[in-house]
Amino acid sequence: MNIRKSTEQDIERMMEIYAYARKFMAENGNPNQWGPTNWPPEDLIRNDIKSGNSYVCTNDDGEVIGTFYFIKGKDIEPTYRVITDGAWLSDAPYGVVHRVASDGSEKGIGSYCVNWAFEQCGHMRIDTHGDNVVMQKMLKKLGFVHCGTIYVEEDDYPRLAFEKL
């Protein structure tokens, strides 16, 4: 597998992957994270690409099999400024991954993407819906620590916040 920046030519495939991910989440006990709002919207993905923070994961044949958003810096995620029921491990600059999704064609696509992002910065924060048990297990397996709860603007569901140093 390989990671590269997304391009406009990838949008149709990325939206197919997000549709697959919504269906997978709904079938695995997590219908509310992306399903009700058909998240993420295409205009957001286009903005991610324009900002240079959108990535795709390709298989050995160069086919796009996964996608995610990644950014790093100091205090870069506004929704992470307030954390309840716990605390972040460090206030140093960090990386953030959002909108991780795969087409399910290969095992370990999500782990590969998150590990790649961590290698870029060495300090990461990530959040997930309380019903997203698949993501929670993956994050714990990758060495992330549950730090508390954050809230996003998209909906009223609290998110479990994780961090890795």
N, C-alpha and C. Protein backbone atom coordinates (compact mmCIF):
# COMPACT_ATOMS: atom_id res chain seq x y z
N MET A 1 0.84 -1.19 0.00
CA MET A 1 0.00 0.00 0.00
C MET A 1 0.88 1.25 0.00
N ASN A 2 0.33 2.32 -0.54
CA ASN A 2 1.02 3.60 -0.59
C ASN A 2 0.04 4.72 -0.27
N ILE A 3 0.58 5.85 0.17
CA ILE A 3 -0.22 7.04 0.46
C ILE A 3 0.24 8.15 -0.47
N ARG A 4 -0.72 8.89 -1.01
CA ARG A 4 -0.40 10.08 -1.80
C ARG A 4 -1.51 11.11 -1.57
N LYS A 5 -1.20 12.36 -1.93
CA LYS A 5 -2.22 13.41 -1.84
C LYS A 5 -3.33 13.13 -2.85
N SER A 6 -4.55 13.44 -2.45
CA SER A 6 -5.70 13.29 -3.34
C SER A 6 -5.68 14.38 -4.41
N THR A 7 -6.31 14.07 -5.53
CA THR A 7 -6.47 15.05 -6.60
C THR A 7 -7.95 15.12 -6.97
N GLU A 8 -8.30 16.11 -7.76
CA GLU A 8 -9.68 16.25 -8.24
C GLU A 8 -10.15 14.98 -8.96
N GLN A 9 -9.22 14.31 -9.63
CA GLN A 9 -9.57 13.10 -10.37
C GLN A 9 -9.96 11.95 -9.44
N ASP A 10 -9.63 12.05 -8.16
CA ASP A 10 -9.94 11.00 -7.19
C ASP A 10 -11.33 11.15 -6.55
N ILE A 11 -11.97 12.29 -6.75
CA ILE A 11 -13.20 12.59 -6.00
C ILE A 11 -14.28 11.54 -6.17
N GLU A 12 -14.55 11.13 -7.39
CA GLU A 12 -15.61 10.14 -7.61
C GLU A 12 -15.31 8.85 -6.84
N ARG A 13 -14.09 8.38 -6.92
CA ARG A 13 -13.70 7.16 -6.20
C ARG A 13 -13.78 7.37 -4.69
N MET A 14 -13.35 8.52 -4.22
CA MET A 14 -13.41 8.80 -2.77
C MET A 14 -14.85 8.77 -2.28
N MET A 15 -15.76 9.36 -3.06
CA MET A 15 -17.17 9.37 -2.66
C MET A 15 -17.75 7.95 -2.66
N GLU A 16 -17.30 7.09 -3.58
CA GLU A 16 -17.70 5.68 -3.57
C GLU A 16 -17.22 5.00 -2.28
N ILE A 17 -15.99 5.31 -1.89
CA ILE A 17 -15.44 4.72 -0.67
C ILE A 17 -16.22 5.20 0.56
N TYR A 18 -16.57 6.48 0.60
CA TYR A 18 -17.36 6.97 1.74
C TYR A 18 -18.74 6.32 1.77
N ALA A 19 -19.34 6.09 0.61
CA ALA A 19 -20.64 5.40 0.57
C ALA A 19 -20.50 3.98 1.11
N TYR A 20 -19.43 3.30 0.72
CA TYR A 20 -19.18 1.96 1.24
C TYR A 20 -19.00 2.01 2.76
N ALA A 21 -18.23 2.99 3.24
CA ALA A 21 -17.96 3.11 4.68
C ALA A 21 -19.25 3.37 5.47
N ARG A 22 -20.12 4.23 4.95
CA ARG A 22 -21.40 4.49 5.63
C ARG A 22 -22.22 3.20 5.76
N LYS A 23 -22.26 2.43 4.69
CA LYS A 23 -22.99 1.16 4.69
C LYS A 23 -22.35 0.19 5.69
N PHE A 24 -21.03 0.08 5.67
CA PHE A 24 -20.31 -0.80 6.59
C PHE A 24 -20.59 -0.41 8.04
N MET A 25 -20.50 0.90 8.33
CA MET A 25 -20.74 1.35 9.71
C MET A 25 -22.16 1.03 10.14
N ALA A 26 -23.14 1.28 9.28
CA ALA A 26 -24.53 1.00 9.63
C ALA A 26 -24.74 -0.49 9.91
N GLU A 27 -24.10 -1.33 9.11
CA GLU A 27 -24.23 -2.78 9.29
C GLU A 27 -23.49 -3.29 10.52
N ASN A 28 -22.60 -2.47 11.07
CA ASN A 28 -21.80 -2.88 12.23
C ASN A 28 -22.12 -2.04 13.47
N GLY A 29 -23.37 -1.62 13.59
CA GLY A 29 -23.84 -0.96 14.81
C GLY A 29 -23.55 0.52 14.93
N ASN A 30 -23.15 1.17 13.84
CA ASN A 30 -22.81 2.59 13.89
C ASN A 30 -23.54 3.35 12.76
N PRO A 31 -24.87 3.40 12.80
CA PRO A 31 -25.61 4.06 11.72
C PRO A 31 -25.64 5.58 11.82
N ASN A 32 -25.28 6.15 12.96
CA ASN A 32 -25.47 7.57 13.18
C ASN A 32 -24.25 8.46 12.96
N GLN A 33 -23.05 7.87 12.84
CA GLN A 33 -21.87 8.72 12.71
C GLN A 33 -21.86 9.49 11.39
N TRP A 34 -22.08 8.83 10.27
CA TRP A 34 -22.07 9.48 8.97
C TRP A 34 -23.38 9.32 8.23
N GLY A 35 -24.18 8.34 8.60
CA GLY A 35 -25.36 7.97 7.84
C GLY A 35 -26.44 9.02 7.70
N PRO A 36 -26.95 9.58 8.79
CA PRO A 36 -28.08 10.51 8.67
C PRO A 36 -27.79 11.76 7.84
N THR A 37 -26.54 12.19 7.81
CA THR A 37 -26.18 13.42 7.08
C THR A 37 -25.45 13.12 5.78
N ASN A 38 -25.33 11.82 5.43
CA ASN A 38 -24.61 11.42 4.23
C ASN A 38 -23.20 12.01 4.22
N TRP A 39 -22.56 11.95 5.37
CA TRP A 39 -21.24 12.54 5.61
C TRP A 39 -20.16 11.70 4.96
N PRO A 40 -19.10 12.28 4.50
CA PRO A 40 -18.85 13.72 4.34
C PRO A 40 -19.37 14.23 3.00
N PRO A 41 -19.76 15.51 2.96
CA PRO A 41 -20.25 16.08 1.70
C PRO A 41 -19.11 16.29 0.69
N GLU A 42 -19.45 16.21 -0.57
CA GLU A 42 -18.45 16.33 -1.62
C GLU A 42 -17.74 17.69 -1.59
N ASP A 43 -18.46 18.76 -1.24
CA ASP A 43 -17.80 20.07 -1.22
C ASP A 43 -16.71 20.12 -0.15
N LEU A 44 -16.90 19.42 0.96
CA LEU A 44 -15.86 19.35 1.99
C LEU A 44 -14.63 18.61 1.46
N ILE A 45 -14.85 17.52 0.76
CA ILE A 45 -13.74 16.76 0.19
C ILE A 45 -12.98 17.61 -0.83
N ARG A 46 -13.72 18.35 -1.64
CA ARG A 46 -13.07 19.25 -2.61
C ARG A 46 -12.21 20.29 -1.89
N ASN A 47 -12.72 20.84 -0.79
CA ASN A 47 -11.95 21.82 -0.01
C ASN A 47 -10.72 21.17 0.62
N ASP A 48 -10.88 19.93 1.10
CA ASP A 48 -9.73 19.21 1.66
C ASP A 48 -8.62 19.06 0.62
N ILE A 49 -9.01 18.73 -0.60
CA ILE A 49 -8.03 18.57 -1.68
C ILE A 49 -7.36 19.90 -1.98
N LYS A 50 -8.15 20.97 -2.08
CA LYS A 50 -7.59 22.30 -2.37
C LYS A 50 -6.63 22.75 -1.28
N SER A 51 -6.93 22.40 -0.02
CA SER A 51 -6.06 22.81 1.09
C SER A 51 -4.82 21.93 1.21
N GLY A 52 -4.78 20.84 0.44
CA GLY A 52 -3.61 19.95 0.48
C GLY A 52 -3.62 18.98 1.64
N ASN A 53 -4.78 18.76 2.26
CA ASN A 53 -4.86 17.89 3.44
C ASN A 53 -5.63 16.61 3.20
N SER A 54 -5.92 16.30 1.96
CA SER A 54 -6.66 15.08 1.62
C SER A 54 -5.70 14.07 1.03
N TYR A 55 -5.84 12.82 1.46
CA TYR A 55 -4.94 11.75 1.03
C TYR A 55 -5.74 10.53 0.60
N VAL A 56 -5.13 9.75 -0.28
CA VAL A 56 -5.69 8.45 -0.63
C VAL A 56 -4.64 7.38 -0.38
N CYS A 57 -5.15 6.19 -0.12
CA CYS A 57 -4.31 5.01 0.02
C CYS A 57 -4.53 4.17 -1.23
N THR A 58 -3.45 3.76 -1.86
CA THR A 58 -3.55 2.95 -3.06
C THR A 58 -2.98 1.56 -2.81
N ASN A 59 -3.49 0.59 -3.55
CA ASN A 59 -2.93 -0.75 -3.46
C ASN A 59 -1.70 -0.83 -4.37
N ASP A 60 -1.11 -2.01 -4.45
CA ASP A 60 0.12 -2.17 -5.23
C ASP A 60 -0.10 -1.96 -6.73
N ASP A 61 -1.35 -2.01 -7.17
CA ASP A 61 -1.67 -1.74 -8.58
C ASP A 61 -2.01 -0.28 -8.83
N GLY A 62 -1.93 0.56 -7.79
CA GLY A 62 -2.21 1.98 -7.93
C GLY A 62 -3.68 2.34 -7.81
N GLU A 63 -4.53 1.37 -7.48
CA GLU A 63 -5.96 1.64 -7.33
C GLU A 63 -6.24 2.25 -5.96
N VAL A 64 -7.12 3.26 -5.93
CA VAL A 64 -7.48 3.92 -4.67
C VAL A 64 -8.39 3.00 -3.88
N ILE A 65 -7.94 2.64 -2.65
CA ILE A 65 -8.69 1.73 -1.79
C ILE A 65 -9.05 2.35 -0.44
N GLY A 66 -8.53 3.53 -0.17
CA GLY A 66 -8.83 4.21 1.09
C GLY A 66 -8.60 5.70 0.96
N THR A 67 -9.12 6.44 1.94
CA THR A 67 -8.97 7.90 1.92
C THR A 67 -9.05 8.45 3.33
N PHE A 68 -8.45 9.62 3.55
CA PHE A 68 -8.50 10.27 4.86
C PHE A 68 -8.04 11.71 4.73
N TYR A 69 -8.32 12.47 5.78
CA TYR A 69 -7.89 13.86 5.92
C TYR A 69 -6.80 13.87 6.97
N PHE A 70 -5.71 14.62 6.73
CA PHE A 70 -4.62 14.72 7.71
C PHE A 70 -4.05 16.11 7.70
N ILE A 71 -3.86 16.64 8.91
CA ILE A 71 -3.23 17.95 9.09
C ILE A 71 -2.43 17.91 10.38
N LYS A 72 -1.39 18.72 10.46
CA LYS A 72 -0.59 18.78 11.69
C LYS A 72 -0.24 20.22 12.00
N GLY A 73 -0.04 20.48 13.29
CA GLY A 73 0.33 21.83 13.72
C GLY A 73 -0.01 22.05 15.18
N LYS A 74 -0.02 23.29 15.60
CA LYS A 74 -0.32 23.66 16.98
C LYS A 74 -1.79 24.04 17.08
N ASP A 75 -2.52 23.38 17.97
CA ASP A 75 -3.93 23.71 18.24
C ASP A 75 -4.73 23.82 16.95
N ILE A 76 -4.61 22.82 16.08
CA ILE A 76 -5.20 22.88 14.74
C ILE A 76 -6.65 22.44 14.67
N GLU A 77 -7.14 21.72 15.67
CA GLU A 77 -8.51 21.22 15.62
C GLU A 77 -9.35 21.96 16.67
N PRO A 78 -10.20 22.90 16.24
CA PRO A 78 -10.99 23.70 17.19
C PRO A 78 -11.85 22.85 18.14
N THR A 79 -12.39 21.74 17.65
CA THR A 79 -13.25 20.93 18.54
C THR A 79 -12.45 20.21 19.62
N TYR A 80 -11.13 20.21 19.53
CA TYR A 80 -10.30 19.56 20.54
C TYR A 80 -9.90 20.52 21.67
N ARG A 81 -10.29 21.78 21.56
CA ARG A 81 -9.92 22.75 22.60
C ARG A 81 -10.61 22.47 23.92
N VAL A 82 -11.81 21.89 23.84
CA VAL A 82 -12.56 21.53 25.06
C VAL A 82 -12.72 20.02 25.09
N ILE A 83 -12.17 19.41 26.13
CA ILE A 83 -12.30 17.97 26.32
C ILE A 83 -12.90 17.74 27.70
N THR A 84 -13.90 16.88 27.78
CA THR A 84 -14.55 16.59 29.05
C THR A 84 -14.24 15.15 29.46
N ASP A 85 -14.50 14.85 30.71
CA ASP A 85 -14.29 13.49 31.24
C ASP A 85 -12.86 13.00 31.06
N GLY A 86 -11.89 13.92 31.12
CA GLY A 86 -10.49 13.54 30.96
C GLY A 86 -9.66 14.72 30.52
N ALA A 87 -8.51 14.43 29.95
CA ALA A 87 -7.58 15.48 29.50
C ALA A 87 -6.66 14.91 28.43
N TRP A 88 -6.17 15.80 27.56
CA TRP A 88 -5.18 15.38 26.58
C TRP A 88 -3.87 15.06 27.29
N LEU A 89 -3.05 14.24 26.68
CA LEU A 89 -1.78 13.82 27.26
C LEU A 89 -0.70 14.89 27.14
N SER A 90 -0.80 15.73 26.09
CA SER A 90 0.22 16.74 25.83
C SER A 90 -0.40 17.90 25.08
N ASP A 91 0.13 19.11 25.30
CA ASP A 91 -0.35 20.26 24.53
C ASP A 91 0.62 20.65 23.42
N ALA A 92 1.57 19.76 23.10
CA ALA A 92 2.52 20.00 22.01
C ALA A 92 1.79 19.92 20.66
N PRO A 93 2.38 20.47 19.61
CA PRO A 93 1.78 20.34 18.28
C PRO A 93 1.47 18.88 17.96
N TYR A 94 0.41 18.66 17.19
CA TYR A 94 -0.04 17.29 16.92
C TYR A 94 -0.60 17.18 15.52
N GLY A 95 -0.80 15.96 15.09
CA GLY A 95 -1.47 15.67 13.84
C GLY A 95 -2.88 15.20 14.13
N VAL A 96 -3.76 15.39 13.16
CA VAL A 96 -5.15 14.96 13.28
C VAL A 96 -5.53 14.20 12.01
N VAL A 97 -6.20 13.08 12.20
CA VAL A 97 -6.76 12.34 11.07
C VAL A 97 -8.28 12.37 11.23
N HIS A 98 -8.96 12.68 10.15
CA HIS A 98 -10.42 12.65 10.10
C HIS A 98 -10.85 11.88 8.85
N ARG A 99 -12.10 11.44 8.86
CA ARG A 99 -12.73 10.86 7.68
C ARG A 99 -11.96 9.69 7.08
N VAL A 100 -11.44 8.81 7.95
CA VAL A 100 -10.74 7.61 7.49
C VAL A 100 -11.77 6.63 6.93
N ALA A 101 -11.56 6.17 5.72
CA ALA A 101 -12.49 5.20 5.13
C ALA A 101 -11.74 4.32 4.14
N SER A 102 -12.22 3.09 4.00
CA SER A 102 -11.64 2.17 3.02
C SER A 102 -12.75 1.49 2.25
N ASP A 103 -12.36 0.84 1.16
CA ASP A 103 -13.36 0.11 0.38
C ASP A 103 -13.49 -1.35 0.84
N GLY A 104 -12.74 -1.74 1.87
CA GLY A 104 -12.84 -3.09 2.41
C GLY A 104 -12.17 -4.16 1.56
N SER A 105 -11.45 -3.76 0.52
CA SER A 105 -10.85 -4.73 -0.39
C SER A 105 -9.64 -5.44 0.20
N GLU A 106 -8.98 -4.81 1.15
CA GLU A 106 -7.81 -5.40 1.80
C GLU A 106 -7.90 -5.17 3.29
N LYS A 107 -7.37 -6.10 4.05
CA LYS A 107 -7.34 -5.98 5.51
C LYS A 107 -6.26 -4.97 5.90
N GLY A 108 -6.58 -4.11 6.87
CA GLY A 108 -5.58 -3.21 7.43
C GLY A 108 -5.41 -1.87 6.75
N ILE A 109 -6.32 -1.49 5.88
CA ILE A 109 -6.20 -0.20 5.17
C ILE A 109 -6.26 0.96 6.17
N GLY A 110 -7.24 0.93 7.08
CA GLY A 110 -7.37 2.01 8.06
C GLY A 110 -6.14 2.12 8.94
N SER A 111 -5.63 0.99 9.41
CA SER A 111 -4.41 1.00 10.25
C SER A 111 -3.23 1.56 9.48
N TYR A 112 -3.11 1.20 8.21
CA TYR A 112 -2.01 1.69 7.39
C TYR A 112 -2.07 3.21 7.28
N CYS A 113 -3.26 3.75 7.04
CA CYS A 113 -3.43 5.20 6.90
C CYS A 113 -3.10 5.93 8.20
N VAL A 114 -3.63 5.44 9.32
CA VAL A 114 -3.40 6.09 10.61
C VAL A 114 -1.92 5.99 11.00
N ASN A 115 -1.30 4.84 10.79
CA ASN A 115 0.13 4.69 11.08
C ASN A 115 0.97 5.62 10.22
N TRP A 116 0.63 5.75 8.94
CA TRP A 116 1.36 6.65 8.06
C TRP A 116 1.30 8.08 8.61
N ALA A 117 0.10 8.51 8.99
CA ALA A 117 -0.07 9.87 9.52
C ALA A 117 0.76 10.06 10.79
N PHE A 118 0.73 9.07 11.67
CA PHE A 118 1.51 9.18 12.91
C PHE A 118 3.00 9.31 12.61
N GLU A 119 3.48 8.57 11.62
CA GLU A 119 4.90 8.65 11.25
C GLU A 119 5.28 10.05 10.76
N GLN A 120 4.31 10.82 10.25
CA GLN A 120 4.59 12.17 9.76
C GLN A 120 4.79 13.18 10.89
N CYS A 121 4.27 12.87 12.09
CA CYS A 121 4.29 13.88 13.15
C CYS A 121 4.70 13.36 14.53
N GLY A 122 4.53 12.08 14.82
CA GLY A 122 4.93 11.53 16.11
C GLY A 122 4.03 11.89 17.28
N HIS A 123 2.96 12.59 17.04
CA HIS A 123 1.99 12.95 18.08
C HIS A 123 0.66 13.17 17.39
N MET A 124 -0.32 12.33 17.73
CA MET A 124 -1.60 12.43 17.04
C MET A 124 -2.78 12.40 17.98
N ARG A 125 -3.82 13.09 17.54
CA ARG A 125 -5.13 13.04 18.19
C ARG A 125 -6.14 12.60 17.14
N ILE A 126 -7.15 11.89 17.59
CA ILE A 126 -8.20 11.41 16.69
C ILE A 126 -9.44 11.18 17.53
N ASP A 127 -10.61 11.31 16.92
CA ASP A 127 -11.84 11.04 17.66
C ASP A 127 -12.74 10.14 16.84
N THR A 128 -13.67 9.49 17.53
CA THR A 128 -14.62 8.64 16.85
C THR A 128 -15.92 8.58 17.63
N HIS A 129 -16.98 8.23 16.94
CA HIS A 129 -18.31 8.08 17.51
C HIS A 129 -18.30 6.94 18.54
N GLY A 130 -19.08 7.07 19.59
CA GLY A 130 -19.17 6.04 20.61
C GLY A 130 -19.63 4.70 20.09
N ASP A 131 -20.39 4.69 19.00
CA ASP A 131 -20.86 3.43 18.41
C ASP A 131 -19.86 2.81 17.43
N ASN A 132 -18.79 3.52 17.12
CA ASN A 132 -17.82 3.02 16.15
C ASN A 132 -16.79 2.12 16.84
N VAL A 133 -17.25 0.94 17.21
CA VAL A 133 -16.43 -0.02 17.94
C VAL A 133 -15.25 -0.49 17.08
N VAL A 134 -15.46 -0.61 15.78
CA VAL A 134 -14.39 -1.04 14.89
C VAL A 134 -13.21 -0.06 14.97
N MET A 135 -13.49 1.24 14.89
CA MET A 135 -12.42 2.25 14.97
C MET A 135 -11.79 2.27 16.36
N GLN A 136 -12.60 2.17 17.39
CA GLN A 136 -12.07 2.17 18.76
C GLN A 136 -11.08 1.03 18.96
N LYS A 137 -11.42 -0.16 18.49
CA LYS A 137 -10.52 -1.32 18.62
C LYS A 137 -9.23 -1.08 17.85
N MET A 138 -9.36 -0.53 16.64
CA MET A 138 -8.17 -0.26 15.84
C MET A 138 -7.25 0.73 16.55
N LEU A 139 -7.83 1.82 17.07
CA LEU A 139 -7.01 2.83 17.73
C LEU A 139 -6.29 2.26 18.95
N LYS A 140 -6.98 1.47 19.73
CA LYS A 140 -6.34 0.86 20.91
C LYS A 140 -5.23 -0.09 20.48
N LYS A 141 -5.48 -0.85 19.41
CA LYS A 141 -4.46 -1.77 18.88
C LYS A 141 -3.22 -1.01 18.42
N LEU A 142 -3.42 0.19 17.89
CA LEU A 142 -2.31 1.01 17.39
C LEU A 142 -1.62 1.82 18.49
N GLY A 143 -2.06 1.67 19.73
CA GLY A 143 -1.40 2.34 20.85
C GLY A 143 -1.98 3.68 21.25
N PHE A 144 -3.16 4.02 20.74
CA PHE A 144 -3.81 5.26 21.15
C PHE A 144 -4.45 5.08 22.52
N VAL A 145 -4.49 6.16 23.29
CA VAL A 145 -5.06 6.16 24.63
C VAL A 145 -6.34 6.98 24.62
N HIS A 146 -7.40 6.44 25.22
CA HIS A 146 -8.66 7.20 25.34
C HIS A 146 -8.44 8.30 26.36
N CYS A 147 -8.68 9.56 25.97
CA CYS A 147 -8.39 10.71 26.82
C CYS A 147 -9.62 11.42 27.35
N GLY A 148 -10.79 11.21 26.76
CA GLY A 148 -11.99 11.91 27.20
C GLY A 148 -13.00 12.02 26.07
N THR A 149 -13.83 13.06 26.16
CA THR A 149 -14.92 13.26 25.22
C THR A 149 -14.83 14.65 24.61
N ILE A 150 -15.08 14.72 23.30
CA ILE A 150 -15.16 16.01 22.60
C ILE A 150 -16.49 16.06 21.86
N TYR A 151 -16.85 17.24 21.39
CA TYR A 151 -18.10 17.42 20.65
C TYR A 151 -17.80 18.09 19.31
N VAL A 152 -18.48 17.64 18.27
CA VAL A 152 -18.29 18.19 16.93
C VAL A 152 -19.48 19.04 16.54
N GLU A 153 -19.31 19.86 15.51
CA GLU A 153 -20.39 20.75 15.05
C GLU A 153 -21.43 20.01 14.21
N GLU A 154 -21.05 18.89 13.59
CA GLU A 154 -21.91 18.21 12.63
C GLU A 154 -23.17 17.61 13.25
N ASP A 155 -23.08 17.17 14.51
CA ASP A 155 -24.23 16.53 15.16
C ASP A 155 -24.09 16.63 16.68
N ASP A 156 -25.05 16.09 17.38
CA ASP A 156 -25.06 16.18 18.84
C ASP A 156 -24.47 14.97 19.54
N TYR A 157 -23.91 14.04 18.78
CA TYR A 157 -23.33 12.84 19.38
C TYR A 157 -21.93 13.15 19.92
N PRO A 158 -21.67 12.81 21.18
CA PRO A 158 -20.31 13.00 21.70
C PRO A 158 -19.33 12.07 20.97
N ARG A 159 -18.07 12.46 20.94
CA ARG A 159 -17.03 11.65 20.31
C ARG A 159 -15.98 11.26 21.37
N LEU A 160 -15.53 10.04 21.26
CA LEU A 160 -14.44 9.56 22.12
C LEU A 160 -13.14 10.10 21.54
N ALA A 161 -12.34 10.73 22.39
CA ALA A 161 -11.10 11.36 21.96
C ALA A 161 -9.91 10.49 22.35
N PHE A 162 -9.01 10.27 21.40
CA PHE A 162 -7.83 9.43 21.59
C PHE A 162 -6.58 10.21 21.24
N GLU A 163 -5.46 9.81 21.84
CA GLU A 163 -4.19 10.46 21.57
C GLU A 163 -3.07 9.44 21.63
N LYS A 164 -2.01 9.70 20.86
CA LYS A 164 -0.82 8.85 20.86
C LYS A 164 0.39 9.74 20.77
N LEU A 165 1.36 9.48 21.64
CA LEU A 165 2.62 10.22 21.65
C LEU A 165 3.74 9.32 21.14
